[in-house]
Amino acid sequence: MWLLVPLAVLVFYGVRRKLSAWAKIDATGGVSGILPAVSARKLALRRIMLLLSAALMIVSIAGPQLCSGQKPVRQKGIDIIFMLDISNSMLARDTAPDRLTRAKTELLQISRSLGDGRKALLLFAGTPVVQCPLTDDKEDFEILLDMATPELITTQGTDYRRAFDAALKLTNSGGELSGNETVMVLASDGEDHGNDLGDIATTMKTRGVHLHVIGLGGVQPVSIPTPGGPKRDRQGKIVLTSFRSERLASLIKTVDGKFYYSRPDAPVHDAVADDIAAEAADARWIMAPGQRVPVHGETILAALLLFVSGSMMTDVRRPPKQSA
C-alpha cells in the first residue's frame, strides 16, 4: 500500500504538467476554438478514480474481510527454554548429591509435569551451548538433559548475559517470532562473571518472556570437588563457592519473574510447574474478531467499475450553451 503514496504524487504532478502544457498550446483556454477547453476538475477526478482503482486491486490481493463481533480463540501454545548452569561450581555438594544433579532433577520433573508444548535445553558456563533446540520430542529432551555435564563446555566460569542472548535467539530461531508464549526456566547457583543484564532484561520484558529462576547451593562457602581433590586457583588456594542471588535479583525484578530456592528436603518443581501452567492458561485465550465475511470479489468489482468509469471519462470541458 505504501506504493500508492509515490503513485499519488506522480498523478498530481501529471495533472499539473498536462494543464501547464495545454495552457502553452492554447493560451485562450479553449475560447479560440483551436483546441477544446480542458477541465481541471474532470482531469483530477479521472486520475483519482484510476488511482483508487489501483488501490482497490492491491487491497483485493490481501484478501479483505468484514468482521463482526468477537470470540475467544486459543493461542498457538507455549515454548519453554530450560537454562542449566553447568559451570564447575555446580559440582559443589552442599546440596545433595550435588547442585547439578539437583538442578537436573528439578528441570526433569517440571518438564514432565507440564506435558505438552515445545521445550529447549540451553547449557551454559562461560559460553552457552544449545543442547536441545525447541522440540516436541519428550524422550530426546530427557536424554539430552541427563547428558549435561561441565565437560561439555571448555570455557568455564558463568556468564548469564551470553546465556540469555542465546536463549532469546532460540525464541526466533527461524528468523521470526513463533507467536507462542515464551517461558525461561533458569537453574543456577547465582555465580556470574559476565556483564550487566540491564538491556537483556528490557528485551525480555518487551517480548513478554516469563522468567522462573531456581537457586541452588548453600549460603556457606564450600569447595568444588574435582578428580584431583578440591579445585584450587593459580596461587594454590582452595576455591570456595556459595549461592549468590544479587545478580539475578535485579533481572527478576525488572521482568516480573519468580524465584525459587531448591533444597533436598524442599524441591520446587511442583511450584514452578504450577506457576507456568497458570501463566499459560492466562495467555492461552484471547479475544479475536468473530464472523469473517470475505469481500474479495466485491473489492475487485469496485476496482473495475472505477477503472472503466475513469477510462471513459473525458478531460474536455463541455462548451457553454450559445444564447439564441
Protein backbone atom coordinates (compact mmCIF):
# COMPACT_ATOMS: atom_id res chain seq x y z
CA MET A 1 0.00 0.00 0.00
CA TRP A 2 2.93 2.35 0.52
CA LEU A 3 3.46 2.27 -3.24
CA LEU A 4 0.29 4.34 -3.57
CA VAL A 5 1.96 7.34 -1.92
CA PRO A 6 4.55 7.97 -4.66
CA LEU A 7 1.90 6.98 -7.24
CA ALA A 8 -0.44 9.69 -5.90
CA VAL A 9 2.39 12.22 -6.11
CA LEU A 10 3.03 11.25 -9.72
CA VAL A 11 -0.69 11.57 -10.53
CA PHE A 12 -0.81 15.07 -9.02
CA TYR A 13 2.35 16.02 -10.89
CA GLY A 14 0.92 14.64 -14.14
CA VAL A 15 -2.25 16.69 -13.77
CA ARG A 16 -0.24 19.89 -13.29
CA ARG A 17 2.03 19.09 -16.24
CA LYS A 18 -0.91 18.44 -18.55
CA LEU A 19 -2.70 21.64 -17.56
CA SER A 20 0.52 23.60 -18.00
CA ALA A 21 1.22 22.09 -21.41
CA TRP A 22 -2.34 22.69 -22.55
CA ALA A 23 -2.12 26.32 -21.46
CA LYS A 24 1.06 26.83 -23.51
CA ILE A 25 -0.56 25.36 -26.63
CA ASP A 26 -3.74 27.36 -26.32
CA ALA A 27 -3.39 30.36 -24.04
CA THR A 28 -7.06 31.33 -24.62
CA GLY A 29 -8.25 28.39 -22.53
CA GLY A 30 -10.28 26.97 -25.41
CA VAL A 31 -12.06 30.21 -26.30
CA SER A 32 -10.29 30.39 -29.68
CA GLY A 33 -11.82 27.09 -30.70
CA ILE A 34 -8.43 25.76 -31.86
CA LEU A 35 -8.40 23.16 -29.07
CA PRO A 36 -11.19 22.06 -26.75
CA ALA A 37 -11.01 23.50 -23.26
CA VAL A 38 -9.65 21.18 -20.56
CA SER A 39 -11.49 20.87 -17.26
CA ALA A 40 -9.04 20.74 -14.34
CA ARG A 41 -11.76 19.24 -12.17
CA LYS A 42 -12.51 16.42 -14.63
CA LEU A 43 -8.82 15.82 -15.20
CA ALA A 44 -8.16 15.46 -11.47
CA LEU A 45 -11.28 13.35 -10.87
CA ARG A 46 -10.34 10.98 -13.68
CA ARG A 47 -6.86 10.45 -12.27
CA ILE A 48 -8.21 9.95 -8.73
CA MET A 49 -10.63 7.30 -9.97
CA LEU A 50 -7.80 5.42 -11.68
CA LEU A 51 -5.66 5.72 -8.55
CA LEU A 52 -8.47 4.37 -6.35
CA SER A 53 -8.94 1.52 -8.82
CA ALA A 54 -5.30 0.55 -8.42
CA ALA A 55 -5.58 0.81 -4.62
CA LEU A 56 -8.61 -1.49 -4.52
CA MET A 57 -6.88 -4.05 -6.72
CA ILE A 58 -3.94 -4.11 -4.29
CA VAL A 59 -6.32 -4.48 -1.34
CA SER A 60 -8.12 -7.35 -3.07
CA ILE A 61 -4.86 -9.30 -3.30
CA ALA A 62 -4.59 -9.21 0.51
CA GLY A 63 -7.97 -10.97 0.82
CA PRO A 64 -10.06 -8.33 2.65
CA GLN A 65 -12.69 -9.48 5.13
CA LEU A 66 -15.52 -7.86 7.05
CA CYS A 67 -15.54 -8.86 10.73
CA SER A 68 -18.38 -8.64 13.21
CA GLY A 69 -18.34 -9.34 16.93
CA GLN A 70 -15.61 -11.02 18.98
CA LYS A 71 -14.96 -14.54 20.20
CA PRO A 72 -12.31 -16.17 22.41
CA VAL A 73 -9.67 -18.11 20.49
CA ARG A 74 -6.84 -20.35 21.65
CA GLN A 75 -3.29 -19.19 21.05
CA LYS A 76 -0.68 -21.43 19.46
CA GLY A 77 0.99 -22.77 22.59
CA ILE A 78 3.96 -22.36 24.89
CA ASP A 79 7.72 -22.63 24.35
CA ILE A 80 9.81 -23.46 27.42
CA ILE A 81 13.55 -22.85 27.37
CA PHE A 82 15.35 -24.61 30.20
CA MET A 83 18.65 -22.91 31.02
CA LEU A 84 21.01 -25.10 33.02
CA ASP A 85 24.21 -23.81 34.61
CA ILE A 86 26.92 -26.47 34.15
CA SER A 87 29.87 -24.48 35.44
CA ASN A 88 32.27 -26.29 37.76
CA SER A 89 30.74 -24.65 40.83
CA MET A 90 27.57 -26.66 40.18
CA LEU A 91 29.51 -29.78 41.26
CA ALA A 92 29.58 -28.50 44.86
CA ARG A 93 27.97 -30.94 47.28
CA ASP A 94 26.28 -28.52 49.68
CA THR A 95 23.03 -29.66 48.06
CA ALA A 96 22.80 -33.46 47.98
CA PRO A 97 24.00 -35.20 45.96
CA ASP A 98 25.37 -32.05 44.25
CA ARG A 99 23.98 -28.83 42.78
CA LEU A 100 23.98 -30.03 39.18
CA THR A 101 22.18 -33.30 39.86
CA ARG A 102 19.65 -31.44 41.99
CA ALA A 103 19.07 -28.92 39.18
CA LYS A 104 18.63 -31.66 36.55
CA THR A 105 16.09 -33.43 38.76
CA GLU A 106 14.10 -30.22 39.19
CA LEU A 107 14.06 -29.47 35.45
CA LEU A 108 13.12 -33.04 34.56
CA GLN A 109 10.14 -33.03 36.91
CA ILE A 110 8.99 -29.62 35.64
CA SER A 111 9.14 -30.86 32.05
CA ARG A 112 7.13 -33.98 32.88
CA SER A 113 4.53 -32.04 34.86
CA LEU A 114 3.87 -29.58 32.04
CA GLY A 115 3.43 -32.25 29.37
CA ASP A 116 2.59 -30.66 26.00
CA GLY A 117 4.50 -27.76 24.50
CA ARG A 118 7.86 -27.30 22.84
CA LYS A 119 10.94 -27.46 25.04
CA ALA A 120 14.57 -26.50 24.54
CA LEU A 121 17.65 -27.05 26.68
CA LEU A 122 20.41 -24.46 26.85
CA LEU A 123 23.56 -25.33 28.79
CA PHE A 124 25.89 -22.54 29.83
CA ALA A 125 29.04 -21.74 31.75
CA GLY A 126 31.47 -19.20 30.29
CA THR A 127 29.75 -19.75 26.93
CA PRO A 128 26.30 -21.17 26.08
CA VAL A 129 25.58 -24.37 24.16
CA VAL A 130 22.22 -25.38 22.71
CA GLN A 131 21.97 -28.95 23.93
CA CYS A 132 18.44 -29.42 22.56
CA PRO A 133 16.61 -26.99 20.23
CA LEU A 134 12.87 -26.42 20.61
CA THR A 135 11.21 -29.79 20.17
CA ASP A 136 8.05 -31.74 20.99
CA ASP A 137 10.05 -34.94 21.49
CA LYS A 138 9.99 -35.57 25.25
CA GLU A 139 12.30 -38.61 25.11
CA ASP A 140 15.07 -36.79 23.25
CA PHE A 141 14.82 -33.84 25.63
CA GLU A 142 15.18 -36.06 28.71
CA ILE A 143 18.14 -37.96 27.25
CA LEU A 144 19.99 -34.75 26.40
CA LEU A 145 19.21 -33.30 29.84
CA ASP A 146 20.69 -36.37 31.54
CA MET A 147 23.89 -35.99 29.47
CA ALA A 148 24.59 -32.45 30.74
CA THR A 149 27.98 -32.20 32.50
CA PRO A 150 30.62 -29.46 32.87
CA GLU A 151 32.86 -31.32 30.41
CA LEU A 152 30.55 -30.25 27.56
CA ILE A 153 31.82 -26.65 27.80
CA THR A 154 35.54 -25.93 27.86
CA THR A 155 35.16 -22.23 28.74
CA GLN A 156 34.27 -22.28 32.40
CA GLY A 157 33.01 -19.52 34.64
CA THR A 158 29.42 -18.30 34.47
CA ASP A 159 28.17 -15.68 32.01
CA TYR A 160 24.43 -15.01 32.28
CA ARG A 161 24.48 -12.36 29.57
CA ARG A 162 25.69 -14.76 26.89
CA ALA A 163 23.24 -17.38 28.12
CA PHE A 164 20.23 -15.07 27.87
CA ASP A 165 21.38 -13.80 24.47
CA ALA A 166 21.40 -17.38 23.20
CA ALA A 167 18.04 -18.14 24.83
CA LEU A 168 16.40 -15.12 23.17
CA LYS A 169 17.76 -16.26 19.80
CA LEU A 170 16.13 -19.63 20.36
CA THR A 171 12.73 -17.93 20.56
CA ASN A 172 13.07 -16.73 16.95
CA SER A 173 15.50 -19.27 15.51
CA GLY A 174 13.53 -19.31 12.25
CA GLY A 175 14.05 -15.59 11.68
CA GLU A 176 10.75 -14.51 13.23
CA LEU A 177 8.90 -14.98 16.48
CA SER A 178 6.79 -18.13 16.71
CA GLY A 179 3.81 -16.41 18.32
CA ASN A 180 3.87 -18.84 21.26
CA GLU A 181 4.19 -17.78 24.88
CA THR A 182 7.85 -17.97 25.89
CA VAL A 183 8.93 -19.22 29.32
CA MET A 184 12.52 -19.41 30.53
CA VAL A 185 13.44 -21.61 33.48
CA LEU A 186 16.95 -20.93 34.80
CA ALA A 187 18.67 -23.26 37.27
CA SER A 188 21.91 -21.88 38.71
CA ASP A 189 23.90 -21.23 41.88
CA GLY A 190 23.96 -17.49 41.19
CA GLU A 191 27.67 -17.03 40.48
CA ASP A 192 28.18 -14.73 37.49
CA HIS A 193 31.36 -13.42 35.89
CA GLY A 194 29.66 -11.64 33.00
CA ASN A 195 28.41 -8.12 32.28
CA ASP A 196 25.36 -6.12 33.32
CA LEU A 197 21.96 -7.60 32.37
CA GLY A 198 20.01 -4.33 32.11
CA ASP A 199 19.37 -4.34 28.36
CA ILE A 200 18.72 -8.09 28.36
CA ALA A 201 16.03 -7.58 30.99
CA THR A 202 14.44 -4.82 28.91
CA THR A 203 14.35 -7.05 25.83
CA MET A 204 12.79 -9.90 27.78
CA LYS A 205 10.12 -7.63 29.21
CA THR A 206 9.34 -6.18 25.78
CA ARG A 207 8.86 -9.65 24.34
CA GLY A 208 6.72 -10.74 27.27
CA VAL A 209 9.07 -13.52 28.37
CA HIS A 210 8.11 -15.27 31.63
CA LEU A 211 11.19 -15.95 33.77
CA HIS A 212 11.46 -18.53 36.55
CA VAL A 213 14.76 -18.81 38.43
CA ILE A 214 15.70 -21.80 40.57
CA GLY A 215 18.52 -21.12 43.01
CA LEU A 216 20.75 -23.95 44.22
CA GLY A 217 23.51 -24.23 46.78
CA GLY A 218 24.06 -23.16 50.36
CA VAL A 219 24.94 -19.71 51.62
CA GLN A 220 28.03 -21.04 53.40
CA PRO A 221 31.12 -21.27 51.14
CA VAL A 222 32.17 -24.81 50.19
CA SER A 223 34.88 -26.27 47.97
CA ILE A 224 34.42 -27.57 44.44
CA PRO A 225 35.34 -31.27 44.11
CA THR A 226 37.48 -32.40 41.16
CA PRO A 227 39.13 -35.79 40.40
CA GLY A 228 42.40 -34.43 41.83
CA GLY A 229 40.86 -33.03 45.02
CA PRO A 230 39.31 -29.61 45.79
CA LYS A 231 39.63 -27.06 42.99
CA ARG A 232 42.43 -24.55 43.54
CA ASP A 233 43.25 -21.19 41.96
CA ARG A 234 46.60 -20.24 40.40
CA GLN A 235 48.04 -19.41 43.80
CA GLY A 236 47.14 -22.85 45.09
CA LYS A 237 44.33 -21.66 47.34
CA ILE A 238 41.12 -23.72 47.53
CA VAL A 239 38.31 -22.13 45.50
CA LEU A 240 35.12 -21.68 47.55
CA THR A 241 31.62 -21.22 46.21
CA SER A 242 28.23 -20.30 47.69
CA PHE A 243 24.80 -19.39 46.39
CA ARG A 244 24.53 -15.75 45.30
CA SER A 245 21.28 -14.05 44.35
CA GLU A 246 22.42 -10.44 43.85
CA ARG A 247 22.93 -10.51 40.08
CA LEU A 248 19.67 -12.35 39.38
CA ALA A 249 17.60 -10.26 41.80
CA SER A 250 17.56 -7.15 39.59
CA LEU A 251 16.76 -9.21 36.50
CA ILE A 252 13.87 -10.97 38.21
CA LYS A 253 12.50 -7.64 39.44
CA THR A 254 12.69 -5.98 36.00
CA VAL A 255 10.89 -8.76 34.12
CA ASP A 256 8.46 -9.57 36.97
CA GLY A 257 9.97 -13.02 37.22
CA LYS A 258 9.75 -15.54 40.06
CA PHE A 259 12.45 -17.02 42.27
CA TYR A 260 12.52 -20.45 43.92
CA TYR A 261 15.16 -21.79 46.30
CA SER A 262 15.65 -25.54 45.90
CA ARG A 263 16.75 -27.77 48.76
CA PRO A 264 16.79 -31.59 49.01
CA ASP A 265 14.07 -31.50 51.66
CA ALA A 266 12.06 -28.84 49.79
CA PRO A 267 12.03 -29.35 45.99
CA VAL A 268 10.40 -26.60 43.96
CA HIS A 269 9.46 -28.37 40.73
CA ASP A 270 5.74 -28.60 41.59
CA ALA A 271 5.56 -24.88 42.41
CA VAL A 272 7.39 -23.91 39.21
CA ALA A 273 5.21 -26.18 37.06
CA ASP A 274 2.01 -24.81 38.66
CA ASP A 275 3.08 -21.20 38.07
CA ILE A 276 3.98 -21.89 34.43
CA ALA A 277 0.68 -23.70 33.87
CA ALA A 278 -1.19 -20.72 35.31
CA GLU A 279 0.68 -18.30 33.05
CA ALA A 280 -0.03 -20.49 30.03
CA ALA A 281 -3.73 -20.67 30.93
CA ASP A 282 -4.00 -16.89 31.27
CA ALA A 283 -2.33 -16.28 27.91
CA ARG A 284 -3.96 -19.18 26.04
CA TRP A 285 -7.23 -17.43 25.28
CA ILE A 286 -7.52 -14.07 23.54
CA MET A 287 -10.42 -12.17 22.00
CA ALA A 288 -10.43 -12.18 18.21
CA PRO A 289 -12.88 -10.96 15.54
CA GLY A 290 -15.92 -13.23 15.32
CA GLN A 291 -17.64 -13.83 11.98
CA ARG A 292 -15.45 -13.12 8.95
CA VAL A 293 -17.05 -12.45 5.55
CA PRO A 294 -14.68 -12.30 2.53
CA VAL A 295 -15.19 -9.27 0.30
CA HIS A 296 -12.54 -10.16 -2.28
CA GLY A 297 -14.99 -10.24 -5.20
CA GLU A 298 -16.73 -7.01 -4.24
CA THR A 299 -13.38 -5.21 -3.99
CA ILE A 300 -12.35 -6.34 -7.48
CA LEU A 301 -15.74 -5.31 -8.89
CA ALA A 302 -15.45 -1.84 -7.36
CA ALA A 303 -11.91 -1.52 -8.77
CA LEU A 304 -13.09 -2.48 -12.26
CA LEU A 305 -16.00 -0.03 -12.14
CA LEU A 306 -13.69 2.80 -11.14
CA PHE A 307 -11.22 1.85 -13.86
CA VAL A 308 -13.86 1.70 -16.61
CA SER A 309 -15.50 4.93 -15.45
CA GLY A 310 -12.17 6.73 -15.25
CA SER A 311 -11.10 5.44 -18.66
CA MET A 312 -14.34 6.54 -20.34
CA MET A 313 -14.36 10.00 -18.76
CA THR A 314 -13.05 12.82 -20.93
CA ASP A 315 -10.86 15.69 -19.76
CA VAL A 316 -12.59 18.15 -22.13
CA ARG A 317 -14.78 20.80 -20.63
CA ARG A 318 -18.28 20.98 -22.02
CA PRO A 319 -18.67 24.13 -24.15
CA PRO A 320 -21.14 26.75 -22.85
CA LYS A 321 -24.58 26.88 -24.50
CA GLN A 322 -24.97 29.53 -27.17
CA SER A 323 -27.71 32.04 -26.43
CA ALA A 324 -30.37 32.44 -29.14
